[in-house]
C-alpha atoms as a PDB file:
ATOM      1  CA  MET A   1    -109.884 -57.121 -44.424  1.00  0.00           C
ATOM      2  CA  GLN A   2    -111.470 -53.688 -44.636  1.00  0.00           C
ATOM      3  CA  PRO A   3    -109.309 -50.533 -44.720  1.00  0.00           C
ATOM      4  CA  VAL A   4    -108.915 -48.482 -41.776  1.00  0.00           C
ATOM      5  CA  ALA A   5    -109.613 -44.834 -41.556  1.00  0.00           C
ATOM      6  CA  PRO A   6    -106.814 -43.366 -40.190  1.00  0.00           C
ATOM      7  CA  ASN A   7    -107.343 -41.941 -36.852  1.00  0.00           C
ATOM      8  CA  TRP A   8    -105.102 -38.894 -36.832  1.00  0.00           C
ATOM      9  CA  ARG A   9    -103.821 -37.632 -32.969  1.00  0.00           C
ATOM     10  CA  THR A  10    -100.803 -35.300 -33.091  1.00  0.00           C
ATOM     11  CA  SER A  11     -97.707 -36.076 -30.640  1.00  0.00           C
ATOM     12  CA  THR A  12     -97.873 -35.247 -27.069  1.00  0.00           C
ATOM     13  CA  TYR A  13     -93.953 -34.283 -27.066  1.00  0.00           C
ATOM     14  CA  THR A  14     -94.573 -31.779 -30.536  1.00  0.00           C
ATOM     15  CA  GLY A  15     -95.098 -27.609 -29.895  1.00  0.00           C
ATOM     16  CA  THR A  16     -97.290 -25.317 -31.717  1.00  0.00           C
ATOM     17  CA  GLU A  17     -94.823 -25.600 -34.500  1.00  0.00           C
ATOM     18  CA  ASN A  18     -93.330 -28.772 -36.491  1.00  0.00           C
ATOM     19  CA  CYS A  19     -95.544 -31.273 -35.069  1.00  0.00           C
ATOM     20  CA  VAL A  20     -96.448 -34.923 -36.870  1.00  0.00           C
ATOM     21  CA  GLU A  21     -99.915 -36.494 -36.520  1.00  0.00           C
ATOM     22  CA  VAL A  22     -99.329 -40.138 -36.558  1.00  0.00           C
ATOM     23  CA  ALA A  23    -102.929 -43.208 -37.120  1.00  0.00           C
ATOM     24  CA  ASP A  24    -101.699 -45.828 -35.161  1.00  0.00           C
ATOM     25  CA  ASN A  25    -105.133 -47.642 -35.355  1.00  0.00           C
ATOM     26  CA  ASP A  26    -104.645 -50.083 -38.102  1.00  0.00           C
ATOM     27  CA  PRO A  27    -103.331 -53.151 -37.425  1.00  0.00           C
ATOM     28  CA  THR A  28    -101.404 -53.798 -40.392  1.00  0.00           C
ATOM     29  CA  MET A  29     -99.537 -50.123 -40.628  1.00  0.00           C
ATOM     30  CA  VAL A  30     -98.600 -46.747 -39.062  1.00  0.00           C
ATOM     31  CA  MET A  31     -99.087 -43.485 -40.584  1.00  0.00           C
ATOM     32  CA  VAL A  32     -96.989 -40.686 -40.295  1.00  0.00           C
ATOM     33  CA  ARG A  33     -98.233 -36.824 -41.918  1.00  0.00           C
ATOM     34  CA  ASP A  34     -97.286 -32.629 -41.786  1.00  0.00           C
ATOM     35  CA  THR A  35     -99.783 -31.581 -39.759  1.00  0.00           C
ATOM     36  CA  LYS A  36     -99.455 -28.375 -41.732  1.00  0.00           C
ATOM     37  CA  ALA A  37     -99.635 -30.202 -45.259  1.00  0.00           C
ATOM     38  CA  PRO A  38    -102.230 -33.210 -44.169  1.00  0.00           C
ATOM     39  CA  SER A  39    -103.517 -33.305 -48.122  1.00  0.00           C
ATOM     40  CA  GLY A  40     -99.285 -34.054 -48.640  1.00  0.00           C
ATOM     41  CA  GLY A  41     -97.606 -37.220 -48.510  1.00  0.00           C
ATOM     42  CA  LEU A  42     -97.325 -39.770 -45.770  1.00  0.00           C
ATOM     43  CA  LEU A  43     -95.170 -42.130 -44.643  1.00  0.00           C
ATOM     44  CA  ALA A  44     -96.984 -45.779 -44.007  1.00  0.00           C
ATOM     45  CA  VAL A  45     -94.837 -48.448 -42.263  1.00  0.00           C
ATOM     46  CA  GLN A  46     -95.570 -51.294 -40.936  1.00  0.00           C
ATOM     47  CA  PRO A  47     -96.583 -51.633 -36.696  1.00  0.00           C
ATOM     48  CA  THR A  48     -92.781 -53.605 -35.969  1.00  0.00           C
ATOM     49  CA  THR A  49     -90.977 -50.959 -37.202  1.00  0.00           C
ATOM     50  CA  TRP A  50     -92.834 -47.532 -35.524  1.00  0.00           C
ATOM     51  CA  VAL A  51     -92.556 -49.472 -32.776  1.00  0.00           C
ATOM     52  CA  ALA A  52     -88.847 -49.778 -33.047  1.00  0.00           C
ATOM     53  CA  PHE A  53     -88.417 -46.298 -34.190  1.00  0.00           C
ATOM     54  CA  VAL A  54     -90.150 -45.202 -31.260  1.00  0.00           C
ATOM     55  CA  GLU A  55     -87.774 -47.111 -28.709  1.00  0.00           C
ATOM     56  CA  PHE A  56     -84.979 -45.917 -30.997  1.00  0.00           C
ATOM     57  CA  ALA A  57     -86.011 -42.014 -30.221  1.00  0.00           C
ATOM     58  CA  LYS A  58     -86.793 -42.618 -26.621  1.00  0.00           C
ATOM     59  CA  ALA A  59     -83.235 -43.790 -26.027  1.00  0.00           C
ATOM     60  CA  LYS A  60     -81.287 -40.538 -28.057  1.00  0.00           C
END
């Protein structure tokens, strides 16, 4: 399977500061990075892990 180029998007729930971007267009991983440091590190997780995290965050 060919790697998919990340399609970064900013969360609609973030403000103008302390934003995160998510790339979830690859079926094998979801990537998260800091908008203030896009060339810095990123977090890559399996899609099922990301879904579980989002559901947990919504419940809080």
